[in-house]
Amino acid sequence: MPNCQPKWILPLAFGSIFPLFLLCFTTIASFNGVPLLFLYRSSYHFVENQLKPIPVSTHITISTPPSPPRFAYLISGSAGNGKMLRRMLLAIYHPLNQYIVHLDRKASPAERQTIEQFVTDYKVFKEVRNVRMITKANLVTYRGCTMVANTLHAAAIMLREGGNWDWFINLSASDYPLVTQDDLLHIFSYVPRDLNFIDHTSKMGWKAGQRAKPVIIDPALYNSKKAEVFWITQRRSIPTAFKLFTG
């Protein structure tokens, strides 16, 4: 059978395949001007030999967290509060803080002695030495001036013997914390140390007539037994030698 294929088909096919082969070889042999694989002195060289590590900067700024604050705690109790006072002290204890406990004069001498022995002999308290007890008990009346005097007395002891602390917190033996001391110290690390949480003002308003002028008697000032405060019918004028604040 005669050959019907045109003679130009074979040269045309060869001429089309050769540029394609040359393009593929060029693509494989060069990538961004760097030879990927070439034969030189009968050994192979790879692109990894041409790579250089990027120098890492040693000047990395790491923000240092603020130092934790220190709290000074007063834990107060009365007769029958010895166990609750110990529970409260252990629940809020932290080696960074300072603590002072007080059982008022209504508590029995045996109960106060038990608390004093607990503060003195407890191993952690003994090693860290950040827990104190007011051994000379005061008679404290709730809502009376003796309660304020007892708080100021404890704060004075802390200022004299408690070292450096940032906030003073007054608690009762019946209180109990809702967060751990680690969480509290972490949160207060970002609070300005000169921030005071006592809301006070010299604008008395209605309080001038209902709180500043009435005369209130605190029986703990002159009695040896605890009793509630009481009001008398006489009233006083607003003092002019100093300004009253309420909070």
C-alpha atoms as a PDB file:
ATOM      1  CA  MET A   1       0.000   0.000   0.000  1.00  0.00           C
ATOM      2  CA  PRO A   2       1.532   3.305  -0.942  1.00  0.00           C
ATOM      3  CA  ASN A   3       2.640   5.590   1.911  1.00  0.00           C
ATOM      4  CA  CYS A   4       0.152   8.481   2.032  1.00  0.00           C
ATOM      5  CA  GLN A   5       1.874  10.372   4.898  1.00  0.00           C
ATOM      6  CA  PRO A   6       3.223  13.750   3.860  1.00  0.00           C
ATOM      7  CA  LYS A   7       6.973  14.025   4.268  1.00  0.00           C
ATOM      8  CA  TRP A   8       6.729  17.236   6.301  1.00  0.00           C
ATOM      9  CA  ILE A   9       4.844  15.734   9.278  1.00  0.00           C
ATOM     10  CA  LEU A  10       7.923  14.139  10.934  1.00  0.00           C
ATOM     11  CA  PRO A  11      10.086  17.313  10.851  1.00  0.00           C
ATOM     12  CA  LEU A  12       7.112  19.333  12.091  1.00  0.00           C
ATOM     13  CA  ALA A  13       6.540  16.966  15.068  1.00  0.00           C
ATOM     14  CA  PHE A  14      10.234  16.979  15.995  1.00  0.00           C
ATOM     15  CA  GLY A  15      10.369  20.752  15.724  1.00  0.00           C
ATOM     16  CA  SER A  16       7.377  21.069  18.091  1.00  0.00           C
ATOM     17  CA  ILE A  17       8.657  18.605  20.737  1.00  0.00           C
ATOM     18  CA  PHE A  18      12.183  20.036  20.950  1.00  0.00           C
ATOM     19  CA  PRO A  19      11.166  23.564  22.194  1.00  0.00           C
ATOM     20  CA  LEU A  20       8.852  21.933  24.759  1.00  0.00           C
ATOM     21  CA  PHE A  21      11.688  19.705  25.987  1.00  0.00           C
ATOM     22  CA  LEU A  22      14.016  22.711  26.166  1.00  0.00           C
ATOM     23  CA  LEU A  23      11.435  24.712  28.189  1.00  0.00           C
ATOM     24  CA  CYS A  24      10.979  21.901  30.717  1.00  0.00           C
ATOM     25  CA  PHE A  25      14.698  21.457  31.160  1.00  0.00           C
ATOM     26  CA  THR A  26      15.197  25.191  31.677  1.00  0.00           C
ATOM     27  CA  THR A  27      12.439  25.287  34.286  1.00  0.00           C
ATOM     28  CA  ILE A  28      13.906  22.360  36.196  1.00  0.00           C
ATOM     29  CA  ALA A  29      17.498  23.558  35.941  1.00  0.00           C
ATOM     30  CA  SER A  30      16.909  27.118  37.119  1.00  0.00           C
ATOM     31  CA  PHE A  31      14.767  28.677  39.843  1.00  0.00           C
ATOM     32  CA  ASN A  32      15.229  32.418  40.379  1.00  0.00           C
ATOM     33  CA  GLY A  33      18.672  32.203  38.853  1.00  0.00           C
ATOM     34  CA  VAL A  34      19.901  29.560  41.341  1.00  0.00           C
ATOM     35  CA  PRO A  35      20.600  26.108  39.870  1.00  0.00           C
ATOM     36  CA  LEU A  36      18.566  23.470  41.627  1.00  0.00           C
ATOM     37  CA  LEU A  37      20.531  20.482  40.469  1.00  0.00           C
ATOM     38  CA  PHE A  38      23.635  20.366  38.320  1.00  0.00           C
ATOM     39  CA  LEU A  39      26.449  17.965  37.647  1.00  0.00           C
ATOM     40  CA  TYR A  40      29.870  19.226  38.591  1.00  0.00           C
ATOM     41  CA  ARG A  41      32.961  17.082  39.060  1.00  0.00           C
ATOM     42  CA  SER A  42      30.809  13.981  39.262  1.00  0.00           C
ATOM     43  CA  SER A  43      29.031  15.223  42.425  1.00  0.00           C
ATOM     44  CA  TYR A  44      25.588  16.641  43.079  1.00  0.00           C
ATOM     45  CA  HIS A  45      25.001  20.032  44.746  1.00  0.00           C
ATOM     46  CA  PHE A  46      21.605  21.040  46.139  1.00  0.00           C
ATOM     47  CA  VAL A  47      19.966  24.390  46.711  1.00  0.00           C
ATOM     48  CA  GLU A  48      20.192  23.879  50.504  1.00  0.00           C
ATOM     49  CA  ASN A  49      23.927  24.533  50.190  1.00  0.00           C
ATOM     50  CA  GLN A  50      23.156  28.011  48.895  1.00  0.00           C
ATOM     51  CA  LEU A  51      20.766  28.951  51.703  1.00  0.00           C
ATOM     52  CA  LYS A  52      21.911  31.027  54.688  1.00  0.00           C
ATOM     53  CA  PRO A  53      20.073  31.278  58.018  1.00  0.00           C
ATOM     54  CA  ILE A  54      18.407  34.585  58.806  1.00  0.00           C
ATOM     55  CA  PRO A  55      20.022  36.163  61.885  1.00  0.00           C
ATOM     56  CA  VAL A  56      17.637  36.321  64.859  1.00  0.00           C
ATOM     57  CA  SER A  57      17.555  39.601  66.742  1.00  0.00           C
ATOM     58  CA  THR A  58      18.659  39.291  70.345  1.00  0.00           C
ATOM     59  CA  HIS A  59      16.879  42.519  71.335  1.00  0.00           C
ATOM     60  CA  ILE A  60      13.451  41.001  72.049  1.00  0.00           C
ATOM     61  CA  THR A  61      11.333  43.107  74.370  1.00  0.00           C
ATOM     62  CA  ILE A  62       9.415  41.036  76.916  1.00  0.00           C
ATOM     63  CA  SER A  63       7.004  42.956  79.108  1.00  0.00           C
ATOM     64  CA  THR A  64       7.629  42.239  82.784  1.00  0.00           C
ATOM     65  CA  PRO A  65       4.437  41.766  84.815  1.00  0.00           C
ATOM     66  CA  PRO A  66       4.043  44.153  87.760  1.00  0.00           C
ATOM     67  CA  SER A  67       5.028  42.987  91.199  1.00  0.00           C
ATOM     68  CA  PRO A  68       2.164  41.673  93.360  1.00  0.00           C
ATOM     69  CA  PRO A  69       0.856  43.929  96.142  1.00  0.00           C
ATOM     70  CA  ARG A  70       0.678  43.169  99.850  1.00  0.00           C
ATOM     71  CA  PHE A  71      -2.465  43.248 101.972  1.00  0.00           C
ATOM     72  CA  ALA A  72      -2.768  43.890 105.686  1.00  0.00           C
ATOM     73  CA  TYR A  73      -5.758  42.051 107.170  1.00  0.00           C
ATOM     74  CA  LEU A  74      -7.572  42.591 110.437  1.00  0.00           C
ATOM     75  CA  ILE A  75      -9.827  39.661 111.411  1.00  0.00           C
ATOM     76  CA  SER A  76     -12.102  40.449 114.361  1.00  0.00           C
ATOM     77  CA  GLY A  77     -14.295  38.125 116.391  1.00  0.00           C
ATOM     78  CA  SER A  78     -16.218  37.841 119.616  1.00  0.00           C
ATOM     79  CA  ALA A  79     -17.336  35.084 121.967  1.00  0.00           C
ATOM     80  CA  GLY A  80     -17.763  31.741 120.211  1.00  0.00           C
ATOM     81  CA  ASN A  81     -15.960  32.902 117.020  1.00  0.00           C
ATOM     82  CA  GLY A  82     -12.669  31.130 117.681  1.00  0.00           C
ATOM     83  CA  LYS A  83     -13.170  28.321 115.146  1.00  0.00           C
ATOM     84  CA  MET A  84     -14.529  30.672 112.482  1.00  0.00           C
ATOM     85  CA  LEU A  85     -11.606  33.018 113.036  1.00  0.00           C
ATOM     86  CA  ARG A  86      -9.118  30.200 112.473  1.00  0.00           C
ATOM     87  CA  ARG A  87     -11.032  29.064 109.379  1.00  0.00           C
ATOM     88  CA  MET A  88     -11.007  32.606 107.986  1.00  0.00           C
ATOM     89  CA  LEU A  89      -7.308  33.087 108.688  1.00  0.00           C
ATOM     90  CA  LEU A  90      -6.333  29.871 106.904  1.00  0.00           C
ATOM     91  CA  ALA A  91      -8.629  30.651 103.944  1.00  0.00           C
ATOM     92  CA  ILE A  92      -7.045  34.047 103.208  1.00  0.00           C
ATOM     93  CA  TYR A  93      -3.494  33.310 104.295  1.00  0.00           C
ATOM     94  CA  HIS A  94      -0.627  34.140 101.919  1.00  0.00           C
ATOM     95  CA  PRO A  95       3.063  34.591 102.793  1.00  0.00           C
ATOM     96  CA  LEU A  96       3.182  38.027 101.119  1.00  0.00           C
ATOM     97  CA  ASN A  97       0.435  39.476 103.333  1.00  0.00           C
ATOM     98  CA  GLN A  98       0.297  40.645 106.946  1.00  0.00           C
ATOM     99  CA  TYR A  99      -2.386  39.532 109.416  1.00  0.00           C
ATOM    100  CA  ILE A 100      -3.599  40.616 112.828  1.00  0.00           C
ATOM    101  CA  VAL A 101      -6.415  38.906 114.725  1.00  0.00           C
ATOM    102  CA  HIS A 102      -8.517  40.127 117.634  1.00  0.00           C
ATOM    103  CA  LEU A 103     -11.026  38.401 119.872  1.00  0.00           C
ATOM    104  CA  ASP A 104     -12.803  41.009 121.954  1.00  0.00           C
ATOM    105  CA  ARG A 105     -13.171  40.930 125.719  1.00  0.00           C
ATOM    106  CA  LYS A 106     -16.526  39.159 125.532  1.00  0.00           C
ATOM    107  CA  ALA A 107     -14.694  35.984 124.480  1.00  0.00           C
ATOM    108  CA  SER A 108     -13.475  33.828 127.331  1.00  0.00           C
ATOM    109  CA  PRO A 109      -9.782  33.857 128.338  1.00  0.00           C
ATOM    110  CA  ALA A 110      -9.557  30.193 127.335  1.00  0.00           C
ATOM    111  CA  GLU A 111     -10.855  30.928 123.844  1.00  0.00           C
ATOM    112  CA  ARG A 112      -8.404  33.800 123.372  1.00  0.00           C
ATOM    113  CA  GLN A 113      -5.574  31.628 124.686  1.00  0.00           C
ATOM    114  CA  THR A 114      -6.446  28.912 122.153  1.00  0.00           C
ATOM    115  CA  ILE A 115      -6.266  31.416 119.289  1.00  0.00           C
ATOM    116  CA  GLU A 116      -3.024  32.873 120.607  1.00  0.00           C
ATOM    117  CA  GLN A 117      -1.461  29.412 120.808  1.00  0.00           C
ATOM    118  CA  PHE A 118      -2.679  28.637 117.281  1.00  0.00           C
ATOM    119  CA  VAL A 119      -1.070  31.817 115.914  1.00  0.00           C
ATOM    120  CA  THR A 120       2.164  31.147 117.791  1.00  0.00           C
ATOM    121  CA  ASP A 121       2.577  27.421 117.092  1.00  0.00           C
ATOM    122  CA  TYR A 122       1.231  27.005 113.558  1.00  0.00           C
ATOM    123  CA  LYS A 123       4.244  25.965 111.483  1.00  0.00           C
ATOM    124  CA  VAL A 124       3.835  28.319 108.505  1.00  0.00           C
ATOM    125  CA  PHE A 125       2.950  31.319 110.697  1.00  0.00           C
ATOM    126  CA  LYS A 126       5.964  30.572 112.851  1.00  0.00           C
ATOM    127  CA  GLU A 127       8.345  30.472 109.886  1.00  0.00           C
ATOM    128  CA  VAL A 128       7.012  33.466 107.934  1.00  0.00           C
ATOM    129  CA  ARG A 129       6.145  35.526 111.059  1.00  0.00           C
ATOM    130  CA  ASN A 130       3.416  37.567 109.401  1.00  0.00           C
ATOM    131  CA  VAL A 131       0.514  36.788 111.770  1.00  0.00           C
ATOM    132  CA  ARG A 132      -0.029  38.721 115.017  1.00  0.00           C
ATOM    133  CA  MET A 133      -2.672  38.785 117.704  1.00  0.00           C
ATOM    134  CA  ILE A 134      -3.881  41.644 119.880  1.00  0.00           C
ATOM    135  CA  THR A 135      -3.475  39.932 123.243  1.00  0.00           C
ATOM    136  CA  LYS A 136      -4.872  42.829 125.274  1.00  0.00           C
ATOM    137  CA  ALA A 137      -8.481  42.444 124.254  1.00  0.00           C
ATOM    138  CA  ASN A 138     -10.762  45.415 123.767  1.00  0.00           C
ATOM    139  CA  LEU A 139     -14.494  45.476 124.343  1.00  0.00           C
ATOM    140  CA  VAL A 140     -15.980  46.270 120.944  1.00  0.00           C
ATOM    141  CA  THR A 141     -19.550  47.359 120.206  1.00  0.00           C
ATOM    142  CA  TYR A 142     -20.877  46.911 116.711  1.00  0.00           C
ATOM    143  CA  ARG A 143     -21.678  50.323 115.125  1.00  0.00           C
ATOM    144  CA  GLY A 144     -20.025  52.044 118.084  1.00  0.00           C
ATOM    145  CA  CYS A 145     -16.937  54.198 118.331  1.00  0.00           C
ATOM    146  CA  THR A 146     -15.064  51.330 120.012  1.00  0.00           C
ATOM    147  CA  MET A 147     -15.286  49.411 116.752  1.00  0.00           C
ATOM    148  CA  VAL A 148     -13.596  52.303 114.937  1.00  0.00           C
ATOM    149  CA  ALA A 149     -11.008  52.608 117.719  1.00  0.00           C
ATOM    150  CA  ASN A 150     -10.197  48.886 117.508  1.00  0.00           C
ATOM    151  CA  THR A 151      -9.713  49.115 113.728  1.00  0.00           C
ATOM    152  CA  LEU A 152      -7.405  52.134 114.081  1.00  0.00           C
ATOM    153  CA  HIS A 153      -5.495  50.326 116.830  1.00  0.00           C
ATOM    154  CA  ALA A 154      -4.870  47.327 114.548  1.00  0.00           C
ATOM    155  CA  ALA A 155      -3.849  49.593 111.671  1.00  0.00           C
ATOM    156  CA  ALA A 156      -1.370  51.380 113.950  1.00  0.00           C
ATOM    157  CA  ILE A 157       0.214  48.055 114.916  1.00  0.00           C
ATOM    158  CA  MET A 158       0.484  47.120 111.248  1.00  0.00           C
ATOM    159  CA  LEU A 159       2.126  50.432 110.396  1.00  0.00           C
ATOM    160  CA  ARG A 160       4.614  49.997 113.213  1.00  0.00           C
ATOM    161  CA  GLU A 161       5.392  46.281 112.933  1.00  0.00           C
ATOM    162  CA  GLY A 162       3.877  44.952 109.709  1.00  0.00           C
ATOM    163  CA  GLY A 163       6.466  46.192 107.229  1.00  0.00           C
ATOM    164  CA  ASN A 164       5.405  47.387 103.786  1.00  0.00           C
ATOM    165  CA  TRP A 165       1.839  46.783 102.662  1.00  0.00           C
ATOM    166  CA  ASP A 166      -0.484  48.479 100.185  1.00  0.00           C
ATOM    167  CA  TRP A 167      -4.070  48.023 101.390  1.00  0.00           C
ATOM    168  CA  PHE A 168      -5.659  47.489 104.800  1.00  0.00           C
ATOM    169  CA  ILE A 169      -8.730  45.212 104.852  1.00  0.00           C
ATOM    170  CA  ASN A 170     -11.032  44.829 107.844  1.00  0.00           C
ATOM    171  CA  LEU A 171     -12.867  41.494 108.047  1.00  0.00           C
ATOM    172  CA  SER A 172     -15.075  39.663 110.491  1.00  0.00           C
ATOM    173  CA  ALA A 173     -14.576  36.061 111.600  1.00  0.00           C
ATOM    174  CA  SER A 174     -17.913  35.226 109.937  1.00  0.00           C
ATOM    175  CA  ASP A 175     -16.686  36.413 106.507  1.00  0.00           C
ATOM    176  CA  TYR A 176     -15.290  34.060 103.884  1.00  0.00           C
ATOM    177  CA  PRO A 177     -13.391  34.811 100.621  1.00  0.00           C
ATOM    178  CA  LEU A 178     -14.971  34.250  97.219  1.00  0.00           C
ATOM    179  CA  VAL A 179     -11.626  34.197  95.359  1.00  0.00           C
ATOM    180  CA  THR A 180      -8.207  32.829  96.223  1.00  0.00           C
ATOM    181  CA  GLN A 181      -5.422  35.088  97.431  1.00  0.00           C
ATOM    182  CA  ASP A 182      -3.366  34.300  94.326  1.00  0.00           C
ATOM    183  CA  ASP A 183      -6.192  35.565  92.104  1.00  0.00           C
ATOM    184  CA  LEU A 184      -6.698  38.635  94.279  1.00  0.00           C
ATOM    185  CA  LEU A 185      -2.992  39.496  94.275  1.00  0.00           C
ATOM    186  CA  HIS A 186      -2.852  39.035  90.505  1.00  0.00           C
ATOM    187  CA  ILE A 187      -5.820  41.351  89.905  1.00  0.00           C
ATOM    188  CA  PHE A 188      -4.521  44.029  92.255  1.00  0.00           C
ATOM    189  CA  SER A 189      -1.090  43.906  90.596  1.00  0.00           C
ATOM    190  CA  TYR A 190      -2.574  46.095  87.850  1.00  0.00           C
ATOM    191  CA  VAL A 191      -4.346  48.509  90.210  1.00  0.00           C
ATOM    192  CA  PRO A 192      -2.574  51.772  91.165  1.00  0.00           C
ATOM    193  CA  ARG A 193      -1.161  51.414  94.678  1.00  0.00           C
ATOM    194  CA  ASP A 194      -2.429  54.856  95.740  1.00  0.00           C
ATOM    195  CA  LEU A 195      -6.058  54.008  94.938  1.00  0.00           C
ATOM    196  CA  ASN A 196      -8.334  54.175  97.991  1.00  0.00           C
ATOM    197  CA  PHE A 197     -11.564  52.210  98.043  1.00  0.00           C
ATOM    198  CA  ILE A 198     -13.165  54.246 100.852  1.00  0.00           C
ATOM    199  CA  ASP A 199     -15.950  56.385  99.429  1.00  0.00           C
ATOM    200  CA  HIS A 200     -15.884  59.577 101.497  1.00  0.00           C
ATOM    201  CA  THR A 201     -17.144  63.118 101.063  1.00  0.00           C
ATOM    202  CA  SER A 202     -17.508  66.314 103.089  1.00  0.00           C
ATOM    203  CA  LYS A 203     -20.937  67.040 101.577  1.00  0.00           C
ATOM    204  CA  MET A 204     -23.053  65.815 104.452  1.00  0.00           C
ATOM    205  CA  GLY A 205     -26.509  66.655 103.129  1.00  0.00           C
ATOM    206  CA  TRP A 206     -29.239  64.864 105.088  1.00  0.00           C
ATOM    207  CA  LYS A 207     -26.598  63.037 107.134  1.00  0.00           C
ATOM    208  CA  ALA A 208     -25.752  66.248 108.985  1.00  0.00           C
ATOM    209  CA  GLY A 209     -29.105  66.230 110.779  1.00  0.00           C
ATOM    210  CA  GLN A 210     -29.534  62.468 111.144  1.00  0.00           C
ATOM    211  CA  ARG A 211     -25.974  61.327 111.868  1.00  0.00           C
ATOM    212  CA  ALA A 212     -23.815  64.260 112.939  1.00  0.00           C
ATOM    213  CA  LYS A 213     -26.171  65.981 115.415  1.00  0.00           C
ATOM    214  CA  PRO A 214     -27.554  62.954 117.340  1.00  0.00           C
ATOM    215  CA  VAL A 215     -25.563  61.905 120.417  1.00  0.00           C
ATOM    216  CA  ILE A 216     -24.796  58.164 120.484  1.00  0.00           C
ATOM    217  CA  ILE A 217     -23.525  56.399 123.595  1.00  0.00           C
ATOM    218  CA  ASP A 218     -21.235  53.388 123.278  1.00  0.00           C
ATOM    219  CA  PRO A 219     -21.494  51.358 126.520  1.00  0.00           C
ATOM    220  CA  ALA A 220     -18.160  49.646 125.846  1.00  0.00           C
ATOM    221  CA  LEU A 221     -16.412  52.897 126.784  1.00  0.00           C
ATOM    222  CA  TYR A 222     -17.357  52.592 130.452  1.00  0.00           C
ATOM    223  CA  ASN A 223     -18.901  49.121 130.963  1.00  0.00           C
ATOM    224  CA  SER A 224     -17.163  45.781 131.349  1.00  0.00           C
ATOM    225  CA  LYS A 225     -20.065  43.978 129.710  1.00  0.00           C
ATOM    226  CA  LYS A 226     -21.122  44.217 126.105  1.00  0.00           C
ATOM    227  CA  ALA A 227     -24.294  46.133 125.240  1.00  0.00           C
ATOM    228  CA  GLU A 228     -25.809  47.824 122.208  1.00  0.00           C
ATOM    229  CA  VAL A 229     -25.280  51.509 121.474  1.00  0.00           C
ATOM    230  CA  PHE A 230     -28.172  53.855 122.276  1.00  0.00           C
ATOM    231  CA  TRP A 231     -29.247  57.398 121.401  1.00  0.00           C
ATOM    232  CA  ILE A 232     -30.144  60.169 123.813  1.00  0.00           C
ATOM    233  CA  THR A 233     -32.696  62.915 123.214  1.00  0.00           C
ATOM    234  CA  GLN A 234     -30.188  65.755 123.379  1.00  0.00           C
ATOM    235  CA  ARG A 235     -28.602  66.933 120.126  1.00  0.00           C
ATOM    236  CA  ARG A 236     -25.379  68.771 119.396  1.00  0.00           C
ATOM    237  CA  SER A 237     -24.428  71.371 116.818  1.00  0.00           C
ATOM    238  CA  ILE A 238     -22.156  70.727 113.868  1.00  0.00           C
ATOM    239  CA  PRO A 239     -18.517  71.283 114.961  1.00  0.00           C
ATOM    240  CA  THR A 240     -16.688  74.240 113.440  1.00  0.00           C
ATOM    241  CA  ALA A 241     -13.111  73.416 114.547  1.00  0.00           C
ATOM    242  CA  PHE A 242     -12.877  70.650 111.929  1.00  0.00           C
ATOM    243  CA  LYS A 243     -14.804  69.379 108.927  1.00  0.00           C
ATOM    244  CA  LEU A 244     -16.837  66.191 109.086  1.00  0.00           C
ATOM    245  CA  PHE A 245     -16.546  63.518 106.405  1.00  0.00           C
ATOM    246  CA  THR A 246     -18.901  60.649 105.774  1.00  0.00           C
ATOM    247  CA  GLY A 247     -18.273  57.406 103.964  1.00  0.00           C
END
